[in-house]
């Protein structure tokens, strides 16, 4: 997929594939009628890794990396994750705000000249998810804003498998960074 084509997307659907020992995610475009479109990216994360690293490929053949993110620290509850392109060049970063996340999960996303904060929209849902562990399937909605203006949102939908709708409101945000953050919400959220 060409970067210009990816950058022109305003919405993605993300689905988790259920696999043994790895988390896999499909990132799809959205057709004009709102249905799921073609595959844009494919992500894979090994479970139980000491230092989190996820590679996102152009498709599920895993022949051509598109981007990746990797924790700077090992087993850190407030780790910073560097997001890089296929050649290892920096795109941006994201990190969990551990203190604010005690009640409502909060993430910070940064790219050149843009600092974005994302937080669960519903305090009741956030509290339920924290104090009743068996409710990890519960849908949630994250709003990411910069300077009080919406940048993007990630909505986890009801269903047996994890499914997400990602909406982008700010055309300046790098879609690769958005995809990395959306995948991380599923892959890292419960840690």
C-alpha atoms as a PDB file:
ATOM      1  CA  UNK A   1       0.000   0.000   0.000  1.00  0.00           C
ATOM      2  CA  UNK A   2       1.279   3.438  -0.894  1.00  0.00           C
ATOM      3  CA  UNK A   3       1.666   5.885   1.994  1.00  0.00           C
ATOM      4  CA  UNK A   4      -0.414   8.562   0.201  1.00  0.00           C
ATOM      5  CA  UNK A   5      -3.291   6.104  -0.173  1.00  0.00           C
ATOM      6  CA  UNK A   6      -3.076   5.117   3.487  1.00  0.00           C
ATOM      7  CA  UNK A   7      -2.886   8.758   4.590  1.00  0.00           C
ATOM      8  CA  UNK A   8      -6.099   9.546   2.681  1.00  0.00           C
ATOM      9  CA  UNK A   9      -8.108   7.065   4.812  1.00  0.00           C
ATOM     10  CA  UNK A  10     -10.509   8.601   7.343  1.00  0.00           C
ATOM     11  CA  UNK A  11     -11.783   5.393   8.872  1.00  0.00           C
ATOM     12  CA  UNK A  12     -10.465   1.884   9.539  1.00  0.00           C
ATOM     13  CA  UNK A  13     -11.943  -1.344  10.828  1.00  0.00           C
ATOM     14  CA  UNK A  14      -9.660  -3.532  12.914  1.00  0.00           C
ATOM     15  CA  UNK A  15     -10.392  -7.176  13.732  1.00  0.00           C
ATOM     16  CA  UNK A  16      -8.430  -9.468  15.990  1.00  0.00           C
ATOM     17  CA  UNK A  17      -7.748 -12.981  14.728  1.00  0.00           C
ATOM     18  CA  UNK A  18      -7.815 -15.650  17.419  1.00  0.00           C
ATOM     19  CA  UNK A  19      -4.552 -17.603  17.301  1.00  0.00           C
ATOM     20  CA  UNK A  20      -2.505 -19.655  19.744  1.00  0.00           C
ATOM     21  CA  UNK A  21       0.605 -17.850  21.108  1.00  0.00           C
ATOM     22  CA  UNK A  22       0.236 -14.721  18.936  1.00  0.00           C
ATOM     23  CA  UNK A  23      -2.170 -11.827  18.665  1.00  0.00           C
ATOM     24  CA  UNK A  24      -3.000 -10.977  15.068  1.00  0.00           C
ATOM     25  CA  UNK A  25      -4.938  -7.984  13.767  1.00  0.00           C
ATOM     26  CA  UNK A  26      -6.372  -7.144  10.361  1.00  0.00           C
ATOM     27  CA  UNK A  27      -6.706  -3.453   9.465  1.00  0.00           C
ATOM     28  CA  UNK A  28      -9.299  -2.834   6.748  1.00  0.00           C
ATOM     29  CA  UNK A  29     -10.385   0.235   4.825  1.00  0.00           C
ATOM     30  CA  UNK A  30     -14.048   1.210   4.954  1.00  0.00           C
ATOM     31  CA  UNK A  31     -16.128   1.229   1.782  1.00  0.00           C
ATOM     32  CA  UNK A  32     -18.356   4.249   0.995  1.00  0.00           C
ATOM     33  CA  UNK A  33     -21.422   2.286   2.175  1.00  0.00           C
ATOM     34  CA  UNK A  34     -19.771   1.705   5.590  1.00  0.00           C
ATOM     35  CA  UNK A  35     -18.929  -1.953   5.046  1.00  0.00           C
ATOM     36  CA  UNK A  36     -15.479  -3.408   5.536  1.00  0.00           C
ATOM     37  CA  UNK A  37     -13.188  -2.789   2.578  1.00  0.00           C
ATOM     38  CA  UNK A  38      -9.827  -4.186   1.537  1.00  0.00           C
ATOM     39  CA  UNK A  39      -6.981  -5.209   3.812  1.00  0.00           C
ATOM     40  CA  UNK A  40      -4.651  -2.260   4.520  1.00  0.00           C
ATOM     41  CA  UNK A  41      -2.354  -3.821   7.093  1.00  0.00           C
ATOM     42  CA  UNK A  42      -1.763  -6.934   9.170  1.00  0.00           C
ATOM     43  CA  UNK A  43      -0.255  -6.881  12.674  1.00  0.00           C
ATOM     44  CA  UNK A  44       1.265  -9.652  14.739  1.00  0.00           C
ATOM     45  CA  UNK A  45       2.376  -9.627  18.379  1.00  0.00           C
ATOM     46  CA  UNK A  46       3.985 -12.520  20.230  1.00  0.00           C
ATOM     47  CA  UNK A  47       2.369 -13.138  23.587  1.00  0.00           C
ATOM     48  CA  UNK A  48       4.379 -13.198  26.799  1.00  0.00           C
ATOM     49  CA  UNK A  49       7.275 -11.170  25.415  1.00  0.00           C
ATOM     50  CA  UNK A  50       9.526  -9.432  27.947  1.00  0.00           C
ATOM     51  CA  UNK A  51       9.889  -6.374  25.747  1.00  0.00           C
ATOM     52  CA  UNK A  52       6.779  -5.597  23.739  1.00  0.00           C
ATOM     53  CA  UNK A  53       7.258  -5.392  20.003  1.00  0.00           C
ATOM     54  CA  UNK A  54       4.627  -5.493  17.266  1.00  0.00           C
ATOM     55  CA  UNK A  55       5.315  -5.531  13.539  1.00  0.00           C
ATOM     56  CA  UNK A  56       2.616  -4.330  11.152  1.00  0.00           C
ATOM     57  CA  UNK A  57       2.853  -5.610   7.589  1.00  0.00           C
ATOM     58  CA  UNK A  58       1.219  -4.569   4.317  1.00  0.00           C
ATOM     59  CA  UNK A  59      -0.712  -7.881   4.273  1.00  0.00           C
ATOM     60  CA  UNK A  60      -0.978 -11.252   6.000  1.00  0.00           C
ATOM     61  CA  UNK A  61       1.826 -12.809   3.934  1.00  0.00           C
ATOM     62  CA  UNK A  62       4.149 -10.836   6.276  1.00  0.00           C
ATOM     63  CA  UNK A  63       6.598 -10.200   3.427  1.00  0.00           C
ATOM     64  CA  UNK A  64       6.677  -6.388   3.600  1.00  0.00           C
ATOM     65  CA  UNK A  65       6.765  -4.521   6.929  1.00  0.00           C
ATOM     66  CA  UNK A  66       4.795  -1.251   6.962  1.00  0.00           C
ATOM     67  CA  UNK A  67       5.641  -0.089  10.486  1.00  0.00           C
ATOM     68  CA  UNK A  68       6.262  -1.339  13.972  1.00  0.00           C
ATOM     69  CA  UNK A  69       6.242  -0.297  17.571  1.00  0.00           C
ATOM     70  CA  UNK A  70       8.544  -1.360  20.357  1.00  0.00           C
ATOM     71  CA  UNK A  71       8.751  -0.640  24.084  1.00  0.00           C
ATOM     72  CA  UNK A  72      11.780   1.312  25.241  1.00  0.00           C
ATOM     73  CA  UNK A  73      11.701  -0.444  28.618  1.00  0.00           C
ATOM     74  CA  UNK A  74      11.015  -3.992  29.739  1.00  0.00           C
ATOM     75  CA  UNK A  75       7.887  -4.728  31.772  1.00  0.00           C
ATOM     76  CA  UNK A  76       7.163  -1.083  32.624  1.00  0.00           C
ATOM     77  CA  UNK A  77       3.568  -0.099  33.415  1.00  0.00           C
ATOM     78  CA  UNK A  78       4.140   3.347  31.912  1.00  0.00           C
ATOM     79  CA  UNK A  79       6.388   2.288  29.036  1.00  0.00           C
ATOM     80  CA  UNK A  80       6.997   4.484  26.029  1.00  0.00           C
ATOM     81  CA  UNK A  81       6.584   2.817  22.637  1.00  0.00           C
ATOM     82  CA  UNK A  82       8.526   4.087  19.631  1.00  0.00           C
ATOM     83  CA  UNK A  83       6.703   3.806  16.301  1.00  0.00           C
ATOM     84  CA  UNK A  84       8.918   3.436  13.238  1.00  0.00           C
ATOM     85  CA  UNK A  85       8.389   2.974   9.517  1.00  0.00           C
ATOM     86  CA  UNK A  86       9.477  -0.081   7.521  1.00  0.00           C
ATOM     87  CA  UNK A  87      13.075   1.184   7.419  1.00  0.00           C
ATOM     88  CA  UNK A  88      13.282   1.953  11.149  1.00  0.00           C
ATOM     89  CA  UNK A  89      12.821   5.728  10.785  1.00  0.00           C
ATOM     90  CA  UNK A  90      10.821   7.328  13.618  1.00  0.00           C
ATOM     91  CA  UNK A  91       7.161   8.193  12.989  1.00  0.00           C
ATOM     92  CA  UNK A  92       6.198   9.077  16.560  1.00  0.00           C
ATOM     93  CA  UNK A  93       5.570   7.487  19.924  1.00  0.00           C
ATOM     94  CA  UNK A  94       2.849   6.662  22.403  1.00  0.00           C
ATOM     95  CA  UNK A  95       2.846   6.007  26.132  1.00  0.00           C
ATOM     96  CA  UNK A  96       0.371   5.129  28.820  1.00  0.00           C
ATOM     97  CA  UNK A  97      -0.197   7.657  31.590  1.00  0.00           C
ATOM     98  CA  UNK A  98      -0.053   5.233  34.522  1.00  0.00           C
ATOM     99  CA  UNK A  99      -1.344   7.625  37.210  1.00  0.00           C
ATOM    100  CA  UNK A 100      -4.368   8.812  35.222  1.00  0.00           C
ATOM    101  CA  UNK A 101      -5.027   5.272  34.025  1.00  0.00           C
ATOM    102  CA  UNK A 102      -5.762   4.027  37.532  1.00  0.00           C
ATOM    103  CA  UNK A 103      -9.373   5.188  37.051  1.00  0.00           C
ATOM    104  CA  UNK A 104      -9.685   5.865  33.319  1.00  0.00           C
ATOM    105  CA  UNK A 105      -7.131   4.631  30.780  1.00  0.00           C
ATOM    106  CA  UNK A 106      -5.154   7.533  29.343  1.00  0.00           C
ATOM    107  CA  UNK A 107      -2.588   7.477  26.534  1.00  0.00           C
ATOM    108  CA  UNK A 108      -0.340  10.145  25.029  1.00  0.00           C
ATOM    109  CA  UNK A 109       0.530  10.060  21.315  1.00  0.00           C
ATOM    110  CA  UNK A 110       3.225  12.262  19.779  1.00  0.00           C
ATOM    111  CA  UNK A 111       4.413  13.010  16.271  1.00  0.00           C
ATOM    112  CA  UNK A 112       6.389  16.008  15.046  1.00  0.00           C
ATOM    113  CA  UNK A 113       4.578  19.104  16.282  1.00  0.00           C
ATOM    114  CA  UNK A 114       1.491  17.261  17.577  1.00  0.00           C
ATOM    115  CA  UNK A 115       0.786  16.031  21.118  1.00  0.00           C
ATOM    116  CA  UNK A 116      -2.439  14.054  21.467  1.00  0.00           C
ATOM    117  CA  UNK A 117      -4.102  12.693  24.611  1.00  0.00           C
ATOM    118  CA  UNK A 118      -6.552   9.804  24.471  1.00  0.00           C
ATOM    119  CA  UNK A 119      -8.885   8.755  27.239  1.00  0.00           C
ATOM    120  CA  UNK A 120     -11.810   6.404  27.726  1.00  0.00           C
ATOM    121  CA  UNK A 121     -14.984   8.388  27.173  1.00  0.00           C
ATOM    122  CA  UNK A 122     -17.129   6.672  29.823  1.00  0.00           C
ATOM    123  CA  UNK A 123     -16.006   6.761  33.454  1.00  0.00           C
ATOM    124  CA  UNK A 124     -18.587   4.091  34.481  1.00  0.00           C
ATOM    125  CA  UNK A 125     -17.347   1.678  31.776  1.00  0.00           C
ATOM    126  CA  UNK A 126     -13.737   2.428  32.734  1.00  0.00           C
ATOM    127  CA  UNK A 127     -14.434   1.652  36.394  1.00  0.00           C
ATOM    128  CA  UNK A 128     -16.350  -1.540  35.572  1.00  0.00           C
ATOM    129  CA  UNK A 129     -13.492  -2.762  33.373  1.00  0.00           C
ATOM    130  CA  UNK A 130     -10.990  -2.154  36.170  1.00  0.00           C
ATOM    131  CA  UNK A 131     -12.813  -3.717  39.074  1.00  0.00           C
ATOM    132  CA  UNK A 132     -14.552  -6.653  37.380  1.00  0.00           C
ATOM    133  CA  UNK A 133     -11.852  -8.502  35.462  1.00  0.00           C
ATOM    134  CA  UNK A 134     -14.307 -10.772  33.642  1.00  0.00           C
ATOM    135  CA  UNK A 135     -15.711  -7.708  31.815  1.00  0.00           C
ATOM    136  CA  UNK A 136     -12.658  -7.273  29.579  1.00  0.00           C
ATOM    137  CA  UNK A 137     -15.004  -7.945  26.614  1.00  0.00           C
ATOM    138  CA  UNK A 138     -16.985  -4.809  27.428  1.00  0.00           C
ATOM    139  CA  UNK A 139     -16.966  -2.258  24.572  1.00  0.00           C
ATOM    140  CA  UNK A 140     -15.200   1.036  25.119  1.00  0.00           C
ATOM    141  CA  UNK A 141     -14.676   4.339  23.344  1.00  0.00           C
ATOM    142  CA  UNK A 142     -11.408   6.309  23.349  1.00  0.00           C
ATOM    143  CA  UNK A 143     -11.308   9.931  22.215  1.00  0.00           C
ATOM    144  CA  UNK A 144      -7.891  11.351  21.252  1.00  0.00           C
ATOM    145  CA  UNK A 145      -7.662  15.156  21.291  1.00  0.00           C
ATOM    146  CA  UNK A 146      -5.048  17.890  20.845  1.00  0.00           C
ATOM    147  CA  UNK A 147      -5.697  21.413  22.078  1.00  0.00           C
ATOM    148  CA  UNK A 148      -9.320  20.500  22.801  1.00  0.00           C
ATOM    149  CA  UNK A 149      -9.908  19.419  19.168  1.00  0.00           C
ATOM    150  CA  UNK A 150     -10.679  15.813  18.157  1.00  0.00           C
ATOM    151  CA  UNK A 151      -7.863  14.026  16.318  1.00  0.00           C
ATOM    152  CA  UNK A 152      -9.119  10.422  16.198  1.00  0.00           C
ATOM    153  CA  UNK A 153     -11.270   7.936  18.091  1.00  0.00           C
ATOM    154  CA  UNK A 154     -11.164   4.179  18.650  1.00  0.00           C
ATOM    155  CA  UNK A 155     -14.389   2.329  19.446  1.00  0.00           C
ATOM    156  CA  UNK A 156     -14.397  -1.308  20.550  1.00  0.00           C
ATOM    157  CA  UNK A 157     -17.598  -2.979  19.317  1.00  0.00           C
ATOM    158  CA  UNK A 158     -19.741  -5.717  20.862  1.00  0.00           C
ATOM    159  CA  UNK A 159     -18.954  -9.210  19.629  1.00  0.00           C
ATOM    160  CA  UNK A 160     -17.258 -12.514  20.290  1.00  0.00           C
ATOM    161  CA  UNK A 161     -14.048 -11.302  18.640  1.00  0.00           C
ATOM    162  CA  UNK A 162     -12.457  -7.932  19.300  1.00  0.00           C
ATOM    163  CA  UNK A 163     -13.491  -5.467  16.592  1.00  0.00           C
ATOM    164  CA  UNK A 164     -12.726  -1.760  16.418  1.00  0.00           C
ATOM    165  CA  UNK A 165     -13.824   1.224  14.381  1.00  0.00           C
ATOM    166  CA  UNK A 166     -11.197   3.970  14.076  1.00  0.00           C
ATOM    167  CA  UNK A 167     -12.338   7.423  12.922  1.00  0.00           C
ATOM    168  CA  UNK A 168      -9.829  10.149  12.034  1.00  0.00           C
ATOM    169  CA  UNK A 169     -10.883  13.788  12.349  1.00  0.00           C
ATOM    170  CA  UNK A 170      -7.518  15.537  11.930  1.00  0.00           C
ATOM    171  CA  UNK A 171      -5.898  15.047   8.496  1.00  0.00           C
ATOM    172  CA  UNK A 172      -2.425  15.901   9.884  1.00  0.00           C
ATOM    173  CA  UNK A 173      -2.084  12.795  12.060  1.00  0.00           C
ATOM    174  CA  UNK A 174       0.015  10.033  10.494  1.00  0.00           C
ATOM    175  CA  UNK A 175      -2.292   7.063   9.856  1.00  0.00           C
ATOM    176  CA  UNK A 176       0.524   4.645  10.680  1.00  0.00           C
ATOM    177  CA  UNK A 177       0.712   6.140  14.178  1.00  0.00           C
ATOM    178  CA  UNK A 178      -3.083   5.832  14.514  1.00  0.00           C
ATOM    179  CA  UNK A 179      -2.970   2.166  13.443  1.00  0.00           C
ATOM    180  CA  UNK A 180      -0.167   1.467  15.943  1.00  0.00           C
ATOM    181  CA  UNK A 181      -2.122   3.104  18.783  1.00  0.00           C
ATOM    182  CA  UNK A 182      -5.363   1.304  17.881  1.00  0.00           C
ATOM    183  CA  UNK A 183      -3.635  -2.095  17.811  1.00  0.00           C
ATOM    184  CA  UNK A 184      -1.863  -1.257  21.091  1.00  0.00           C
ATOM    185  CA  UNK A 185      -5.181  -0.507  22.772  1.00  0.00           C
ATOM    186  CA  UNK A 186      -6.106  -4.156  22.331  1.00  0.00           C
ATOM    187  CA  UNK A 187      -2.658  -5.700  22.699  1.00  0.00           C
ATOM    188  CA  UNK A 188      -1.530  -3.661  25.722  1.00  0.00           C
ATOM    189  CA  UNK A 189      -4.656  -2.246  27.367  1.00  0.00           C
ATOM    190  CA  UNK A 190      -5.023  -4.857  30.103  1.00  0.00           C
ATOM    191  CA  UNK A 191      -1.430  -4.458  31.311  1.00  0.00           C
END
